[in-house]
Amino acid sequence: MNKKHPHPIDWGITLIPLLIIFVLSALLMMNPEASRQTIARLRFFFVNQMGFFYLLLGLAVLLIALWLALSHYGTSVWGRLKSPATTRSAGER
């Protein structure tokens, strides 16, 4: 890490997903009718067949987030502490 660029870009994790999105978008645009049918089948499967698991997944994410926030990990500070924020509003100057 140098001082000129403190947060260099990791091109591998930036360009690979972008390339995948562009390829999938091009495939969907080249054959819109087949794309519509495929997306409809995928939507039916995930919404009608796996809907209960989506609810469980959402509940699990919420519970894990609450558990982390209320555990000792929730009090950790990343980086340096800055000066404490004041409670004055902008109109009290």
PDB file of N, CA and C in Angstrom:
ATOM      1  N   MET A   1       0.844  -1.168   0.000  1.00  0.00           N
ATOM      2  CA  MET A   1       0.000   0.000   0.000  1.00  0.00           C
ATOM      3  C   MET A   1       0.890   1.232   0.000  1.00  0.00           C
ATOM      4  N   ASN A   2       0.700   2.089  -0.965  1.00  0.00           N
ATOM      5  CA  ASN A   2       1.499   3.306  -0.977  1.00  0.00           C
ATOM      6  C   ASN A   2       0.637   4.492  -0.561  1.00  0.00           C
ATOM      7  N   LYS A   3       1.299   5.627  -0.322  1.00  0.00           N
ATOM      8  CA  LYS A   3       0.574   6.797   0.176  1.00  0.00           C
ATOM      9  C   LYS A   3      -0.286   7.452  -0.902  1.00  0.00           C
ATOM     10  N   LYS A   4       0.093   7.267  -2.159  1.00  0.00           N
ATOM     11  CA  LYS A   4      -0.668   7.882  -3.239  1.00  0.00           C
ATOM     12  C   LYS A   4      -2.012   7.182  -3.441  1.00  0.00           C
ATOM     13  N   HIS A   5      -2.030   5.870  -3.336  1.00  0.00           N
ATOM     14  CA  HIS A   5      -3.247   5.070  -3.504  1.00  0.00           C
ATOM     15  C   HIS A   5      -3.412   4.188  -2.263  1.00  0.00           C
ATOM     16  N   PRO A   6      -4.069   4.708  -1.220  1.00  0.00           N
ATOM     17  CA  PRO A   6      -4.160   3.950   0.019  1.00  0.00           C
ATOM     18  C   PRO A   6      -5.027   2.695  -0.090  1.00  0.00           C
ATOM     19  N   HIS A   7      -5.975   2.656  -1.004  1.00  0.00           N
ATOM     20  CA  HIS A   7      -6.837   1.493  -1.162  1.00  0.00           C
ATOM     21  C   HIS A   7      -6.803   1.038  -2.621  1.00  0.00           C
ATOM     22  N   PRO A   8      -5.803   0.224  -2.984  1.00  0.00           N
ATOM     23  CA  PRO A   8      -5.720  -0.204  -4.385  1.00  0.00           C
ATOM     24  C   PRO A   8      -6.902  -1.108  -4.747  1.00  0.00           C
ATOM     25  N   ILE A   9      -7.286  -1.082  -5.999  1.00  0.00           N
ATOM     26  CA  ILE A   9      -8.413  -1.878  -6.487  1.00  0.00           C
ATOM     27  C   ILE A   9      -7.939  -3.296  -6.746  1.00  0.00           C
ATOM     28  N   ASP A  10      -8.679  -4.264  -6.255  1.00  0.00           N
ATOM     29  CA  ASP A  10      -8.413  -5.665  -6.557  1.00  0.00           C
ATOM     30  C   ASP A  10      -9.147  -5.988  -7.855  1.00  0.00           C
ATOM     31  N   TRP A  11      -8.417  -5.974  -8.958  1.00  0.00           N
ATOM     32  CA  TRP A  11      -9.043  -6.114 -10.273  1.00  0.00           C
ATOM     33  C   TRP A  11      -9.678  -7.478 -10.470  1.00  0.00           C
ATOM     34  N   GLY A  12      -9.185  -8.509  -9.790  1.00  0.00           N
ATOM     35  CA  GLY A  12      -9.770  -9.838  -9.946  1.00  0.00           C
ATOM     36  C   GLY A  12     -11.204  -9.888  -9.454  1.00  0.00           C
ATOM     37  N   ILE A  13     -11.448  -9.332  -8.271  1.00  0.00           N
ATOM     38  CA  ILE A  13     -12.813  -9.387  -7.746  1.00  0.00           C
ATOM     39  C   ILE A  13     -13.686  -8.269  -8.300  1.00  0.00           C
ATOM     40  N   THR A  14     -13.109  -7.377  -9.065  1.00  0.00           N
ATOM     41  CA  THR A  14     -13.897  -6.313  -9.688  1.00  0.00           C
ATOM     42  C   THR A  14     -14.311  -6.696 -11.105  1.00  0.00           C
ATOM     43  N   LEU A  15     -13.382  -7.171 -11.897  1.00  0.00           N
ATOM     44  CA  LEU A  15     -13.659  -7.418 -13.314  1.00  0.00           C
ATOM     45  C   LEU A  15     -14.360  -8.741 -13.594  1.00  0.00           C
ATOM     46  N   ILE A  16     -14.087  -9.773 -12.809  1.00  0.00           N
ATOM     47  CA  ILE A  16     -14.708 -11.079 -13.073  1.00  0.00           C
ATOM     48  C   ILE A  16     -16.231 -11.016 -12.915  1.00  0.00           C
ATOM     49  N   PRO A  17     -16.777 -10.491 -11.802  1.00  0.00           N
ATOM     50  CA  PRO A  17     -18.245 -10.382 -11.727  1.00  0.00           C
ATOM     51  C   PRO A  17     -18.828  -9.444 -12.794  1.00  0.00           C
ATOM     52  N   LEU A  18     -18.115  -8.371 -13.117  1.00  0.00           N
ATOM     53  CA  LEU A  18     -18.581  -7.456 -14.150  1.00  0.00           C
ATOM     54  C   LEU A  18     -18.646  -8.157 -15.506  1.00  0.00           C
ATOM     55  N   LEU A  19     -17.652  -8.956 -15.807  1.00  0.00           N
ATOM     56  CA  LEU A  19     -17.638  -9.718 -17.057  1.00  0.00           C
ATOM     57  C   LEU A  19     -18.785 -10.724 -17.090  1.00  0.00           C
ATOM     58  N   ILE A  20     -19.050 -11.387 -15.968  1.00  0.00           N
ATOM     59  CA  ILE A  20     -20.160 -12.349 -15.904  1.00  0.00           C
ATOM     60  C   ILE A  20     -21.486 -11.638 -16.147  1.00  0.00           C
ATOM     61  N   ILE A  21     -21.660 -10.467 -15.554  1.00  0.00           N
ATOM     62  CA  ILE A  21     -22.897  -9.708 -15.754  1.00  0.00           C
ATOM     63  C   ILE A  21     -23.057  -9.303 -17.213  1.00  0.00           C
ATOM     64  N   PHE A  22     -21.978  -8.843 -17.846  1.00  0.00           N
ATOM     65  CA  PHE A  22     -22.056  -8.456 -19.255  1.00  0.00           C
ATOM     66  C   PHE A  22     -22.377  -9.645 -20.154  1.00  0.00           C
ATOM     67  N   VAL A  23     -21.773 -10.800 -19.904  1.00  0.00           N
ATOM     68  CA  VAL A  23     -22.029 -11.985 -20.718  1.00  0.00           C
ATOM     69  C   VAL A  23     -23.479 -12.434 -20.556  1.00  0.00           C
ATOM     70  N   LEU A  24     -23.969 -12.494 -19.313  1.00  0.00           N
ATOM     71  CA  LEU A  24     -25.361 -12.894 -19.093  1.00  0.00           C
ATOM     72  C   LEU A  24     -26.330 -11.893 -19.717  1.00  0.00           C
ATOM     73  N   SER A  25     -26.027 -10.618 -19.616  1.00  0.00           N
ATOM     74  CA  SER A  25     -26.890  -9.604 -20.227  1.00  0.00           C
ATOM     75  C   SER A  25     -26.928  -9.758 -21.743  1.00  0.00           C
ATOM     76  N   ALA A  26     -25.790 -10.001 -22.349  1.00  0.00           N
ATOM     77  CA  ALA A  26     -25.740 -10.189 -23.801  1.00  0.00           C
ATOM     78  C   ALA A  26     -26.538 -11.418 -24.214  1.00  0.00           C
ATOM     79  N   LEU A  27     -26.405 -12.512 -23.460  1.00  0.00           N
ATOM     80  CA  LEU A  27     -27.168 -13.719 -23.789  1.00  0.00           C
ATOM     81  C   LEU A  27     -28.669 -13.482 -23.650  1.00  0.00           C
ATOM     82  N   LEU A  28     -29.069 -12.753 -22.631  1.00  0.00           N
ATOM     83  CA  LEU A  28     -30.492 -12.469 -22.442  1.00  0.00           C
ATOM     84  C   LEU A  28     -31.034 -11.565 -23.551  1.00  0.00           C
ATOM     85  N   MET A  29     -30.225 -10.622 -24.018  1.00  0.00           N
ATOM     86  CA  MET A  29     -30.688  -9.715 -25.070  1.00  0.00           C
ATOM     87  C   MET A  29     -30.716 -10.374 -26.441  1.00  0.00           C
ATOM     88  N   MET A  30     -29.870 -11.372 -26.662  1.00  0.00           N
ATOM     89  CA  MET A  30     -29.814 -12.014 -27.977  1.00  0.00           C
ATOM     90  C   MET A  30     -31.034 -12.898 -28.234  1.00  0.00           C
ATOM     91  N   ASN A  31     -31.615 -13.452 -27.182  1.00  0.00           N
ATOM     92  CA  ASN A  31     -32.768 -14.319 -27.363  1.00  0.00           C
ATOM     93  C   ASN A  31     -33.807 -13.992 -26.296  1.00  0.00           C
ATOM     94  N   PRO A  32     -34.591 -12.939 -26.499  1.00  0.00           N
ATOM     95  CA  PRO A  32     -35.491 -12.474 -25.448  1.00  0.00           C
ATOM     96  C   PRO A  32     -36.627 -13.446 -25.107  1.00  0.00           C
ATOM     97  N   GLU A  33     -37.154 -14.169 -26.074  1.00  0.00           N
ATOM     98  CA  GLU A  33     -38.268 -15.076 -25.781  1.00  0.00           C
ATOM     99  C   GLU A  33     -37.807 -16.255 -24.922  1.00  0.00           C
ATOM    100  N   ALA A  34     -36.697 -16.862 -25.270  1.00  0.00           N
ATOM    101  CA  ALA A  34     -36.169 -17.959 -24.454  1.00  0.00           C
ATOM    102  C   ALA A  34     -35.757 -17.445 -23.077  1.00  0.00           C
ATOM    103  N   SER A  35     -35.245 -16.220 -23.018  1.00  0.00           N
ATOM    104  CA  SER A  35     -34.864 -15.621 -21.740  1.00  0.00           C
ATOM    105  C   SER A  35     -36.086 -15.430 -20.856  1.00  0.00           C
ATOM    106  N   ARG A  36     -37.182 -14.956 -21.460  1.00  0.00           N
ATOM    107  CA  ARG A  36     -38.411 -14.752 -20.695  1.00  0.00           C
ATOM    108  C   ARG A  36     -38.923 -16.066 -20.116  1.00  0.00           C
ATOM    109  N   GLN A  37     -38.884 -17.131 -20.910  1.00  0.00           N
ATOM    110  CA  GLN A  37     -39.345 -18.432 -20.439  1.00  0.00           C
ATOM    111  C   GLN A  37     -38.434 -18.976 -19.342  1.00  0.00           C
ATOM    112  N   THR A  38     -37.145 -18.838 -19.523  1.00  0.00           N
ATOM    113  CA  THR A  38     -36.195 -19.334 -18.518  1.00  0.00           C
ATOM    114  C   THR A  38     -36.345 -18.574 -17.210  1.00  0.00           C
ATOM    115  N   ILE A  39     -36.477 -17.257 -17.287  1.00  0.00           N
ATOM    116  CA  ILE A  39     -36.638 -16.449 -16.079  1.00  0.00           C
ATOM    117  C   ILE A  39     -37.957 -16.785 -15.395  1.00  0.00           C
ATOM    118  N   ALA A  40     -39.004 -17.029 -16.171  1.00  0.00           N
ATOM    119  CA  ALA A  40     -40.300 -17.399 -15.590  1.00  0.00           C
ATOM    120  C   ALA A  40     -40.205 -18.735 -14.864  1.00  0.00           C
ATOM    121  N   ARG A  41     -39.496 -19.706 -15.469  1.00  0.00           N
ATOM    122  CA  ARG A  41     -39.319 -21.006 -14.801  1.00  0.00           C
ATOM    123  C   ARG A  41     -38.513 -20.864 -13.520  1.00  0.00           C
ATOM    124  N   LEU A  42     -37.440 -20.075 -13.565  1.00  0.00           N
ATOM    125  CA  LEU A  42     -36.623 -19.863 -12.364  1.00  0.00           C
ATOM    126  C   LEU A  42     -37.419 -19.149 -11.273  1.00  0.00           C
ATOM    127  N   ARG A  43     -38.207 -18.155 -11.673  1.00  0.00           N
ATOM    128  CA  ARG A  43     -39.037 -17.440 -10.702  1.00  0.00           C
ATOM    129  C   ARG A  43     -40.046 -18.378 -10.055  1.00  0.00           C
ATOM    130  N   PHE A  44     -40.699 -19.208 -10.866  1.00  0.00           N
ATOM    131  CA  PHE A  44     -41.668 -20.164 -10.330  1.00  0.00           C
ATOM    132  C   PHE A  44     -40.993 -21.088  -9.324  1.00  0.00           C
ATOM    133  N   PHE A  45     -39.829 -21.602  -9.679  1.00  0.00           N
ATOM    134  CA  PHE A  45     -39.131 -22.535  -8.783  1.00  0.00           C
ATOM    135  C   PHE A  45     -38.770 -21.858  -7.464  1.00  0.00           C
ATOM    136  N   PHE A  46     -38.137 -20.678  -7.540  1.00  0.00           N
ATOM    137  CA  PHE A  46     -37.666 -20.042  -6.316  1.00  0.00           C
ATOM    138  C   PHE A  46     -38.812 -19.490  -5.468  1.00  0.00           C
ATOM    139  N   VAL A  47     -39.855 -18.960  -6.094  1.00  0.00           N
ATOM    140  CA  VAL A  47     -40.945 -18.358  -5.319  1.00  0.00           C
ATOM    141  C   VAL A  47     -41.911 -19.424  -4.821  1.00  0.00           C
ATOM    142  N   ASN A  48     -42.340 -20.324  -5.685  1.00  0.00           N
ATOM    143  CA  ASN A  48     -43.368 -21.286  -5.310  1.00  0.00           C
ATOM    144  C   ASN A  48     -42.812 -22.527  -4.618  1.00  0.00           C
ATOM    145  N   GLN A  49     -41.649 -22.976  -5.022  1.00  0.00           N
ATOM    146  CA  GLN A  49     -41.102 -24.201  -4.444  1.00  0.00           C
ATOM    147  C   GLN A  49     -40.192 -23.929  -3.248  1.00  0.00           C
ATOM    148  N   MET A  50     -39.449 -22.843  -3.298  1.00  0.00           N
ATOM    149  CA  MET A  50     -38.445 -22.581  -2.262  1.00  0.00           C
ATOM    150  C   MET A  50     -38.802 -21.381  -1.385  1.00  0.00           C
ATOM    151  N   GLY A  51     -40.031 -20.878  -1.463  1.00  0.00           N
ATOM    152  CA  GLY A  51     -40.421 -19.686  -0.723  1.00  0.00           C
ATOM    153  C   GLY A  51     -40.229 -19.809   0.770  1.00  0.00           C
ATOM    154  N   PHE A  52     -40.540 -20.965   1.342  1.00  0.00           N
ATOM    155  CA  PHE A  52     -40.374 -21.180   2.776  1.00  0.00           C
ATOM    156  C   PHE A  52     -38.903 -21.060   3.173  1.00  0.00           C
ATOM    157  N   PHE A  53     -38.013 -21.547   2.331  1.00  0.00           N
ATOM    158  CA  PHE A  53     -36.589 -21.462   2.650  1.00  0.00           C
ATOM    159  C   PHE A  53     -36.080 -20.028   2.582  1.00  0.00           C
ATOM    160  N   TYR A  54     -36.682 -19.209   1.698  1.00  0.00           N
ATOM    161  CA  TYR A  54     -36.345 -17.784   1.682  1.00  0.00           C
ATOM    162  C   TYR A  54     -36.705 -17.137   3.009  1.00  0.00           C
ATOM    163  N   LEU A  55     -37.875 -17.477   3.551  1.00  0.00           N
ATOM    164  CA  LEU A  55     -38.276 -16.944   4.855  1.00  0.00           C
ATOM    165  C   LEU A  55     -37.296 -17.381   5.939  1.00  0.00           C
ATOM    166  N   LEU A  56     -36.909 -18.655   5.908  1.00  0.00           N
ATOM    167  CA  LEU A  56     -35.943 -19.150   6.895  1.00  0.00           C
ATOM    168  C   LEU A  56     -34.591 -18.470   6.743  1.00  0.00           C
ATOM    169  N   LEU A  57     -34.163 -18.254   5.509  1.00  0.00           N
ATOM    170  CA  LEU A  57     -32.884 -17.595   5.274  1.00  0.00           C
ATOM    171  C   LEU A  57     -32.920 -16.158   5.782  1.00  0.00           C
ATOM    172  N   GLY A  58     -33.998 -15.433   5.507  1.00  0.00           N
ATOM    173  CA  GLY A  58     -34.120 -14.063   5.998  1.00  0.00           C
ATOM    174  C   GLY A  58     -34.137 -13.997   7.513  1.00  0.00           C
ATOM    175  N   LEU A  59     -34.848 -14.916   8.148  1.00  0.00           N
ATOM    176  CA  LEU A  59     -34.888 -14.964   9.601  1.00  0.00           C
ATOM    177  C   LEU A  59     -33.514 -15.298  10.168  1.00  0.00           C
ATOM    178  N   ALA A  60     -32.800 -16.231   9.536  1.00  0.00           N
ATOM    179  CA  ALA A  60     -31.468 -16.598  10.003  1.00  0.00           C
ATOM    180  C   ALA A  60     -30.501 -15.418   9.904  1.00  0.00           C
ATOM    181  N   VAL A  61     -30.551 -14.682   8.807  1.00  0.00           N
ATOM    182  CA  VAL A  61     -29.678 -13.513   8.644  1.00  0.00           C
ATOM    183  C   VAL A  61     -29.988 -12.472   9.714  1.00  0.00           C
ATOM    184  N   LEU A  62     -31.260 -12.227   9.967  1.00  0.00           N
ATOM    185  CA  LEU A  62     -31.653 -11.264  10.998  1.00  0.00           C
ATOM    186  C   LEU A  62     -31.167 -11.702  12.380  1.00  0.00           C
ATOM    187  N   LEU A  63     -31.356 -12.968  12.705  1.00  0.00           N
ATOM    188  CA  LEU A  63     -30.941 -13.455  14.023  1.00  0.00           C
ATOM    189  C   LEU A  63     -29.422 -13.422  14.188  1.00  0.00           C
ATOM    190  N   ILE A  64     -28.692 -13.765  13.146  1.00  0.00           N
ATOM    191  CA  ILE A  64     -27.227 -13.708  13.226  1.00  0.00           C
ATOM    192  C   ILE A  64     -26.758 -12.268  13.374  1.00  0.00           C
ATOM    193  N   ALA A  65     -27.389 -11.336  12.652  1.00  0.00           N
ATOM    194  CA  ALA A  65     -27.014  -9.928  12.777  1.00  0.00           C
ATOM    195  C   ALA A  65     -27.289  -9.426  14.192  1.00  0.00           C
ATOM    196  N   LEU A  66     -28.424  -9.786  14.756  1.00  0.00           N
ATOM    197  CA  LEU A  66     -28.720  -9.384  16.132  1.00  0.00           C
ATOM    198  C   LEU A  66     -27.747 -10.013  17.122  1.00  0.00           C
ATOM    199  N   TRP A  67     -27.440 -11.277  16.919  1.00  0.00           N
ATOM    200  CA  TRP A  67     -26.501 -11.972  17.805  1.00  0.00           C
ATOM    201  C   TRP A  67     -25.125 -11.300  17.757  1.00  0.00           C
ATOM    202  N   LEU A  68     -24.664 -10.969  16.563  1.00  0.00           N
ATOM    203  CA  LEU A  68     -23.364 -10.301  16.444  1.00  0.00           C
ATOM    204  C   LEU A  68     -23.395  -8.910  17.063  1.00  0.00           C
ATOM    205  N   ALA A  69     -24.488  -8.178  16.858  1.00  0.00           N
ATOM    206  CA  ALA A  69     -24.577  -6.819  17.389  1.00  0.00           C
ATOM    207  C   ALA A  69     -24.615  -6.822  18.913  1.00  0.00           C
ATOM    208  N   LEU A  70     -25.230  -7.817  19.507  1.00  0.00           N
ATOM    209  CA  LEU A  70     -25.379  -7.852  20.955  1.00  0.00           C
ATOM    210  C   LEU A  70     -24.266  -8.620  21.661  1.00  0.00           C
ATOM    211  N   SER A  71     -23.392  -9.282  20.912  1.00  0.00           N
ATOM    212  CA  SER A  71     -22.279 -10.004  21.529  1.00  0.00           C
ATOM    213  C   SER A  71     -21.086  -9.062  21.698  1.00  0.00           C
ATOM    214  N   HIS A  72     -19.967  -9.615  22.134  1.00  0.00           N
ATOM    215  CA  HIS A  72     -18.790  -8.764  22.311  1.00  0.00           C
ATOM    216  C   HIS A  72     -18.229  -8.266  20.978  1.00  0.00           C
ATOM    217  N   TYR A  73     -18.615  -8.876  19.859  1.00  0.00           N
ATOM    218  CA  TYR A  73     -18.183  -8.383  18.552  1.00  0.00           C
ATOM    219  C   TYR A  73     -18.853  -7.053  18.223  1.00  0.00           C
ATOM    220  N   GLY A  74     -20.006  -6.801  18.794  1.00  0.00           N
ATOM    221  CA  GLY A  74     -20.723  -5.562  18.526  1.00  0.00           C
ATOM    222  C   GLY A  74     -20.065  -4.341  19.122  1.00  0.00           C
ATOM    223  N   THR A  75     -19.134  -4.540  20.031  1.00  0.00           N
ATOM    224  CA  THR A  75     -18.452  -3.410  20.658  1.00  0.00           C
ATOM    225  C   THR A  75     -17.074  -3.164  20.059  1.00  0.00           C
ATOM    226  N   SER A  76     -16.679  -3.948  19.080  1.00  0.00           N
ATOM    227  CA  SER A  76     -15.354  -3.768  18.505  1.00  0.00           C
ATOM    228  C   SER A  76     -15.302  -2.505  17.662  1.00  0.00           C
ATOM    229  N   VAL A  77     -14.138  -1.871  17.639  1.00  0.00           N
ATOM    230  CA  VAL A  77     -13.929  -0.640  16.882  1.00  0.00           C
ATOM    231  C   VAL A  77     -12.868  -0.932  15.835  1.00  0.00           C
ATOM    232  N   TRP A  78     -13.179  -0.631  14.589  1.00  0.00           N
ATOM    233  CA  TRP A  78     -12.215  -0.828  13.511  1.00  0.00           C
ATOM    234  C   TRP A  78     -11.610   0.506  13.167  1.00  0.00           C
ATOM    235  N   GLY A  79     -10.306   0.596  13.253  1.00  0.00           N
ATOM    236  CA  GLY A  79      -9.628   1.849  12.946  1.00  0.00           C
ATOM    237  C   GLY A  79      -9.422   2.670  14.202  1.00  0.00           C
ATOM    238  N   ARG A  80      -8.920   3.882  14.000  1.00  0.00           N
ATOM    239  CA  ARG A  80      -8.662   4.773  15.127  1.00  0.00           C
ATOM    240  C   ARG A  80      -9.939   5.484  15.534  1.00  0.00           C
ATOM    241  N   LEU A  81     -10.007   5.761  16.806  1.00  0.00           N
ATOM    242  CA  LEU A  81     -11.140   6.546  17.295  1.00  0.00           C
ATOM    243  C   LEU A  81     -10.903   8.009  16.963  1.00  0.00           C
ATOM    244  N   LYS A  82     -11.905   8.663  16.464  1.00  0.00           N
ATOM    245  CA  LYS A  82     -11.810  10.085  16.181  1.00  0.00           C
ATOM    246  C   LYS A  82     -12.361  10.835  17.381  1.00  0.00           C
ATOM    247  N   SER A  83     -12.300  12.123  17.331  1.00  0.00           N
ATOM    248  CA  SER A  83     -12.818  12.894  18.453  1.00  0.00           C
ATOM    249  C   SER A  83     -14.308  12.621  18.590  1.00  0.00           C
ATOM    250  N   PRO A  84     -14.805  12.612  19.802  1.00  0.00           N
ATOM    251  CA  PRO A  84     -16.219  12.285  19.993  1.00  0.00           C
ATOM    252  C   PRO A  84     -17.119  13.329  19.338  1.00  0.00           C
ATOM    253  N   ALA A  85     -18.196  12.876  18.806  1.00  0.00           N
ATOM    254  CA  ALA A  85     -19.136  13.789  18.140  1.00  0.00           C
ATOM    255  C   ALA A  85     -19.858  14.615  19.177  1.00  0.00           C
ATOM    256  N   THR A  86     -20.110  15.837  18.832  1.00  0.00           N
ATOM    257  CA  THR A  86     -20.843  16.695  19.748  1.00  0.00           C
ATOM    258  C   THR A  86     -22.329  16.488  19.545  1.00  0.00           C
ATOM    259  N   THR A  87     -23.101  16.830  20.535  1.00  0.00           N
ATOM    260  CA  THR A  87     -24.544  16.669  20.442  1.00  0.00           C
ATOM    261  C   THR A  87     -25.230  17.970  20.072  1.00  0.00           C
ATOM    262  N   ARG A  88     -24.439  19.021  19.798  1.00  0.00           N
ATOM    263  CA  ARG A  88     -25.039  20.298  19.402  1.00  0.00           C
ATOM    264  C   ARG A  88     -25.608  20.175  18.002  1.00  0.00           C
ATOM    265  N   SER A  89     -26.680  20.863  17.783  1.00  0.00           N
ATOM    266  CA  SER A  89     -27.231  20.899  16.438  1.00  0.00           C
ATOM    267  C   SER A  89     -26.601  22.053  15.685  1.00  0.00           C
ATOM    268  N   ALA A  90     -26.809  22.117  14.401  1.00  0.00           N
ATOM    269  CA  ALA A  90     -26.197  23.153  13.580  1.00  0.00           C
ATOM    270  C   ALA A  90     -26.731  24.539  13.927  1.00  0.00           C
ATOM    271  N   GLY A  91     -27.949  24.624  14.453  1.00  0.00           N
ATOM    272  CA  GLY A  91     -28.543  25.924  14.759  1.00  0.00           C
ATOM    273  C   GLY A  91     -28.060  26.545  16.058  1.00  0.00           C
ATOM    274  N   GLU A  92     -27.270  25.816  16.863  1.00  0.00           N
ATOM    275  CA  GLU A  92     -26.837  26.316  18.176  1.00  0.00           C
ATOM    276  C   GLU A  92     -25.476  26.958  18.137  1.00  0.00           C
ATOM    277  N   ARG A  93     -24.985  27.346  17.022  1.00  0.00           N
ATOM    278  CA  ARG A  93     -23.622  27.887  16.940  1.00  0.00           C
ATOM    279  C   ARG A  93     -23.521  29.224  17.440  1.00  0.00           C
TER     280      ARG A  93
END
